[in-house]
């Protein structure tokens, strides 16, 4: 991997239905985790443990914190590095980026789909109004401070094409898009990492001290457990964001075998997107 993860105090991996943005005023990364009733929210933390392995020390990971299938909608997750090497945030995006090119760095942040970026709308989208006929599901909140953000989990079994739809929802254009990253990743190097999880009126605080060479793993998943779930989550995101001209984009997997009669789909896949909103505040109730 291009990112040297072993030097971190904690590695954060947020995967599933959510809109990620960078907040320059608060100096943090923010993610609106969309709670639509289909996707299930879980939080897990694994601790590195040294064990005797073939005459030398080996590291295994033991789960020490687990919040499974959180039903409550009013959830706030805060992750912060204390005495960090990075104040605020940085983005890993080395050099040029070509989604359809070769030898592109697998951790490049731009593998994540930016709905406002040049590959999609090319301009900042507005907040979707309820008049559009779509209901806005509730949102849980994730805040990450003092971290290097990058991409992770590129599903090479899924090659997408971009479908442009007009204001009626009809497909008017199809173009190759490529692979996408499913996971927003963050590397935190610090003396310790503080994890706060507020579920309703209860707040739980966990302090993760640095273990040199063996980072903690913090995983946040907002996934649909149904194996028959649609592979693209783009329609869900237009519950929150909309273009003035009514145009929207979908991502559909190309068929691997035309004789099979079906797309690559029916795999467990759920990709977060990036927005240039500057804050997830507008996605909150």
Protein backbone atom coordinates (compact mmCIF):
# COMPACT_ATOMS: atom_id res chain seq x y z
CA UNK A 1 0.00 0.00 0.00
CA UNK A 2 1.12 3.53 -0.65
CA UNK A 3 0.03 4.71 2.79
CA UNK A 4 2.31 3.37 5.53
CA UNK A 5 -0.43 2.34 7.91
CA UNK A 6 1.86 0.72 10.48
CA UNK A 7 3.06 4.11 11.78
CA UNK A 8 -0.46 5.13 12.84
CA UNK A 9 -1.85 5.19 16.35
CA UNK A 10 -5.27 4.34 14.95
CA UNK A 11 -6.68 3.57 11.52
CA UNK A 12 -10.26 4.61 10.87
CA UNK A 13 -12.29 2.94 8.13
CA UNK A 14 -15.78 4.23 7.37
CA UNK A 15 -17.68 2.18 4.83
CA UNK A 16 -21.24 2.28 3.62
CA UNK A 17 -24.04 4.70 2.89
CA UNK A 18 -22.77 8.15 3.78
CA UNK A 19 -21.75 11.59 2.51
CA UNK A 20 -18.24 12.72 3.46
CA UNK A 21 -17.00 16.29 3.38
CA UNK A 22 -14.12 18.35 4.72
CA UNK A 23 -14.90 21.20 7.09
CA UNK A 24 -12.10 23.79 6.87
CA UNK A 25 -13.60 25.97 9.61
CA UNK A 26 -13.75 23.17 12.17
CA UNK A 27 -10.62 21.53 10.72
CA UNK A 28 -12.14 18.08 10.55
CA UNK A 29 -13.55 15.45 8.26
CA UNK A 30 -17.28 14.86 8.60
CA UNK A 31 -19.57 12.09 7.41
CA UNK A 32 -23.34 11.99 7.36
CA UNK A 33 -24.30 8.34 7.87
CA UNK A 34 -27.66 7.90 6.18
CA UNK A 35 -30.09 5.82 8.26
CA UNK A 36 -32.69 4.71 5.74
CA UNK A 37 -33.95 1.63 7.57
CA UNK A 38 -32.14 -0.77 5.21
CA UNK A 39 -28.56 -0.02 6.19
CA UNK A 40 -27.35 -1.16 9.60
CA UNK A 41 -24.85 0.90 11.62
CA UNK A 42 -22.04 -0.87 13.50
CA UNK A 43 -18.88 0.34 15.26
CA UNK A 44 -15.97 -1.94 16.09
CA UNK A 45 -12.54 -1.34 17.58
CA UNK A 46 -9.75 -3.91 17.46
CA UNK A 47 -6.60 -3.77 19.59
CA UNK A 48 -3.18 -5.08 18.51
CA UNK A 49 -1.99 -7.90 20.76
CA UNK A 50 1.49 -9.39 20.71
CA UNK A 51 1.60 -13.19 20.65
CA UNK A 52 4.35 -15.75 20.34
CA UNK A 53 4.62 -16.61 16.67
CA UNK A 54 7.25 -18.97 15.28
CA UNK A 55 10.07 -17.74 17.47
CA UNK A 56 9.34 -14.05 17.06
CA UNK A 57 6.70 -11.63 18.23
CA UNK A 58 3.64 -11.51 16.02
CA UNK A 59 0.65 -9.22 16.18
CA UNK A 60 -2.96 -10.27 16.15
CA UNK A 61 -6.03 -8.09 16.53
CA UNK A 62 -8.60 -8.62 19.27
CA UNK A 63 -11.94 -6.84 19.19
CA UNK A 64 -12.32 -4.75 22.35
CA UNK A 65 -15.31 -2.54 21.53
CA UNK A 66 -18.38 -3.49 19.52
CA UNK A 67 -21.65 -1.71 18.87
CA UNK A 68 -23.64 -3.93 16.53
CA UNK A 69 -26.82 -3.03 14.63
CA UNK A 70 -27.39 0.30 16.36
CA UNK A 71 -31.10 1.05 16.12
CA UNK A 72 -30.97 4.56 17.57
CA UNK A 73 -30.84 7.31 14.96
CA UNK A 74 -29.40 10.01 17.23
CA UNK A 75 -25.79 8.81 17.09
CA UNK A 76 -22.64 10.94 17.09
CA UNK A 77 -19.16 9.45 16.69
CA UNK A 78 -16.12 11.63 17.37
CA UNK A 79 -12.55 10.47 16.77
CA UNK A 80 -9.63 12.76 17.59
CA UNK A 81 -5.88 12.45 17.79
CA UNK A 82 -4.29 14.05 20.87
CA UNK A 83 -0.78 15.51 20.40
CA UNK A 84 -1.02 14.63 16.70
CA UNK A 85 1.50 14.79 13.88
CA UNK A 86 -1.21 16.41 11.71
CA UNK A 87 -3.26 19.30 13.01
CA UNK A 88 -6.72 19.34 11.45
CA UNK A 89 -6.56 17.21 8.31
CA UNK A 90 -4.64 16.41 5.14
CA UNK A 91 -5.73 14.62 1.96
CA UNK A 92 -3.67 11.95 0.21
CA UNK A 93 -3.88 12.81 -3.49
CA UNK A 94 -0.45 12.46 -5.11
CA UNK A 95 0.01 13.72 -8.67
CA UNK A 96 -2.51 13.43 -11.48
CA UNK A 97 -5.48 11.08 -11.24
CA UNK A 98 -7.05 9.06 -14.06
CA UNK A 99 -9.72 6.60 -12.95
CA UNK A 100 -9.37 4.72 -16.24
CA UNK A 101 -5.58 4.85 -16.30
CA UNK A 102 -2.97 2.36 -15.17
CA UNK A 103 -0.76 2.35 -12.08
CA UNK A 104 -2.95 4.80 -10.17
CA UNK A 105 -2.16 4.88 -6.45
CA UNK A 106 -4.72 2.66 -4.73
CA UNK A 107 -4.96 4.98 -1.73
CA UNK A 108 -5.55 8.17 -3.72
CA UNK A 109 -8.49 9.96 -2.11
CA UNK A 110 -9.95 10.62 -5.56
CA UNK A 111 -10.99 6.98 -5.95
CA UNK A 112 -13.95 8.06 -3.82
CA UNK A 113 -16.79 9.43 -5.95
CA UNK A 114 -17.11 13.21 -5.59
CA UNK A 115 -20.67 14.05 -6.61
CA UNK A 116 -19.71 17.72 -7.11
CA UNK A 117 -16.45 16.96 -8.92
CA UNK A 118 -15.53 17.06 -12.60
CA UNK A 119 -16.32 13.35 -13.06
CA UNK A 120 -19.94 13.95 -12.04
CA UNK A 121 -21.79 17.30 -11.94
CA UNK A 122 -18.77 19.58 -12.05
CA UNK A 123 -20.36 22.09 -9.70
CA UNK A 124 -21.61 22.33 -6.15
CA UNK A 125 -25.07 20.77 -5.81
CA UNK A 126 -27.85 22.36 -3.80
CA UNK A 127 -29.73 20.83 -0.90
CA UNK A 128 -32.55 18.63 -2.19
CA UNK A 129 -35.93 20.01 -1.22
CA UNK A 130 -38.77 17.84 0.05
CA UNK A 131 -40.80 19.04 -2.94
CA UNK A 132 -38.74 16.66 -5.08
CA UNK A 133 -40.97 13.85 -3.82
CA UNK A 134 -38.17 12.09 -1.96
CA UNK A 135 -38.25 11.77 1.80
CA UNK A 136 -35.03 12.53 3.65
CA UNK A 137 -34.04 9.74 6.06
CA UNK A 138 -32.41 10.61 9.39
CA UNK A 139 -28.64 10.98 9.66
CA UNK A 140 -26.06 9.91 12.23
CA UNK A 141 -22.83 11.90 12.49
CA UNK A 142 -19.14 11.02 12.26
CA UNK A 143 -16.39 13.58 12.99
CA UNK A 144 -12.66 12.84 12.57
CA UNK A 145 -9.95 15.31 13.61
CA UNK A 146 -6.18 15.42 13.11
CA UNK A 147 -5.97 12.79 10.40
CA UNK A 148 -4.71 11.97 6.93
CA UNK A 149 -7.66 10.97 4.73
CA UNK A 150 -7.33 8.52 1.87
CA UNK A 151 -9.28 5.87 -0.03
CA UNK A 152 -9.51 2.17 0.66
CA UNK A 153 -11.32 -0.95 -0.60
CA UNK A 154 -11.40 -0.61 -4.37
CA UNK A 155 -13.61 -3.43 -5.62
CA UNK A 156 -11.85 -4.55 -8.79
CA UNK A 157 -14.70 -6.97 -9.56
CA UNK A 158 -17.00 -4.03 -10.26
CA UNK A 159 -16.35 -1.77 -13.25
CA UNK A 160 -18.99 0.93 -13.48
CA UNK A 161 -20.43 2.98 -16.28
CA UNK A 162 -21.90 6.39 -15.58
CA UNK A 163 -25.54 6.87 -16.56
CA UNK A 164 -26.74 10.43 -17.07
CA UNK A 165 -30.45 10.88 -16.37
CA UNK A 166 -32.61 13.85 -17.28
CA UNK A 167 -35.17 15.52 -15.04
CA UNK A 168 -37.69 12.73 -15.78
CA UNK A 169 -35.24 10.02 -14.70
CA UNK A 170 -34.74 8.70 -18.23
CA UNK A 171 -31.23 7.53 -19.16
CA UNK A 172 -29.85 9.83 -21.88
CA UNK A 173 -26.14 8.97 -21.92
CA UNK A 174 -23.81 6.17 -20.84
CA UNK A 175 -20.03 6.49 -20.50
CA UNK A 176 -17.33 4.28 -18.94
CA UNK A 177 -16.52 5.36 -15.38
CA UNK A 178 -14.27 2.70 -13.83
CA UNK A 179 -13.70 1.33 -10.36
CA UNK A 180 -14.66 3.19 -7.19
CA UNK A 181 -13.43 3.11 -3.61
CA UNK A 182 -15.94 1.97 -1.01
CA UNK A 183 -14.18 3.16 2.13
CA UNK A 184 -13.19 6.55 3.53
CA UNK A 185 -9.99 5.84 5.47
CA UNK A 186 -8.14 7.99 7.99
CA UNK A 187 -4.69 7.56 9.49
CA UNK A 188 -4.13 9.21 12.87
CA UNK A 189 -0.62 9.52 14.31
CA UNK A 190 -0.81 10.85 17.85
CA UNK A 191 0.11 10.16 21.47
CA UNK A 192 -3.38 8.75 21.87
CA UNK A 193 -6.70 8.68 20.09
CA UNK A 194 -9.96 9.53 21.83
CA UNK A 195 -13.15 7.89 20.59
CA UNK A 196 -16.49 9.24 21.81
CA UNK A 197 -19.73 7.51 20.92
CA UNK A 198 -22.99 9.22 21.86
CA UNK A 199 -26.12 7.13 21.44
CA UNK A 200 -29.14 9.12 22.49
CA UNK A 201 -28.47 10.60 25.94
CA UNK A 202 -25.57 8.23 26.71
CA UNK A 203 -21.95 9.00 25.84
CA UNK A 204 -19.14 6.47 26.00
CA UNK A 205 -15.49 7.59 25.84
CA UNK A 206 -12.61 5.29 24.93
CA UNK A 207 -8.94 6.31 25.04
CA UNK A 208 -6.57 4.39 22.76
CA UNK A 209 -2.89 4.91 23.71
CA UNK A 210 -0.22 4.65 21.06
CA UNK A 211 1.38 1.25 20.50
CA UNK A 212 4.39 1.79 18.25
CA UNK A 213 4.08 -0.16 15.01
CA UNK A 214 0.67 -1.60 15.86
CA UNK A 215 -2.27 0.74 15.27
CA UNK A 216 -5.76 0.24 16.61
CA UNK A 217 -8.44 -0.32 13.99
CA UNK A 218 -11.68 1.63 14.24
CA UNK A 219 -14.31 0.43 11.79
CA UNK A 220 -17.62 2.17 11.16
CA UNK A 221 -19.98 0.39 8.80
CA UNK A 222 -23.39 1.50 7.55
CA UNK A 223 -24.17 -1.41 5.28
CA UNK A 224 -27.22 -3.15 3.85
CA UNK A 225 -26.90 -6.83 4.86
CA UNK A 226 -29.21 -7.93 2.02
CA UNK A 227 -27.14 -9.70 -0.63
CA UNK A 228 -29.68 -8.60 -3.25
CA UNK A 229 -29.15 -4.91 -2.54
CA UNK A 230 -28.58 -2.64 -5.56
CA UNK A 231 -24.88 -2.22 -6.26
CA UNK A 232 -25.11 1.57 -6.75
CA UNK A 233 -26.16 3.88 -3.94
CA UNK A 234 -26.36 7.01 -6.09
CA UNK A 235 -30.19 7.30 -5.99
CA UNK A 236 -30.03 7.49 -2.18
CA UNK A 237 -27.71 10.48 -2.32
CA UNK A 238 -30.13 12.50 -4.43
CA UNK A 239 -32.45 12.52 -1.42
CA UNK A 240 -29.99 15.07 -0.03
CA UNK A 241 -28.43 16.77 -3.06
CA UNK A 242 -29.94 18.02 -6.31
CA UNK A 243 -28.87 19.83 -9.49
CA UNK A 244 -30.82 22.89 -10.60
CA UNK A 245 -31.42 21.36 -14.04
CA UNK A 246 -32.79 18.12 -12.58
CA UNK A 247 -29.95 16.02 -14.02
CA UNK A 248 -28.72 13.08 -11.94
CA UNK A 249 -26.14 10.35 -12.40
CA UNK A 250 -26.20 6.67 -11.60
CA UNK A 251 -23.39 4.13 -11.56
CA UNK A 252 -24.21 0.74 -13.03
CA UNK A 253 -21.85 -2.25 -13.19
CA UNK A 254 -20.95 -3.48 -16.66
CA UNK A 255 -21.74 -7.10 -17.47
CA UNK A 256 -18.89 -9.57 -17.24
CA UNK A 257 -20.51 -12.03 -19.62
CA UNK A 258 -23.27 -11.04 -22.01
CA UNK A 259 -24.52 -14.65 -22.03
CA UNK A 260 -25.14 -14.58 -18.29
CA UNK A 261 -28.02 -12.16 -18.75
CA UNK A 262 -27.13 -10.09 -15.71
CA UNK A 263 -24.73 -7.51 -14.36
CA UNK A 264 -21.82 -8.12 -12.04
CA UNK A 265 -24.11 -7.05 -9.22
CA UNK A 266 -25.49 -9.13 -6.37
CA UNK A 267 -22.25 -8.55 -4.53
CA UNK A 268 -21.99 -6.84 -1.17
CA UNK A 269 -21.00 -3.34 -2.19
CA UNK A 270 -21.84 0.04 -0.74
CA UNK A 271 -19.86 3.15 -1.58
CA UNK A 272 -19.76 6.43 0.29
CA UNK A 273 -19.50 9.65 -1.71
CA UNK A 274 -17.69 12.94 -1.22
CA UNK A 275 -19.40 16.34 -1.31
CA UNK A 276 -17.85 19.81 -1.45
CA UNK A 277 -20.49 21.05 1.00
CA UNK A 278 -17.93 22.09 3.63
CA UNK A 279 -20.08 20.71 6.44
CA UNK A 280 -22.62 17.96 6.98
CA UNK A 281 -24.86 20.42 8.81
CA UNK A 282 -27.13 20.81 5.79
CA UNK A 283 -27.78 17.07 5.73
CA UNK A 284 -28.99 17.03 9.33
CA UNK A 285 -32.69 17.31 10.27
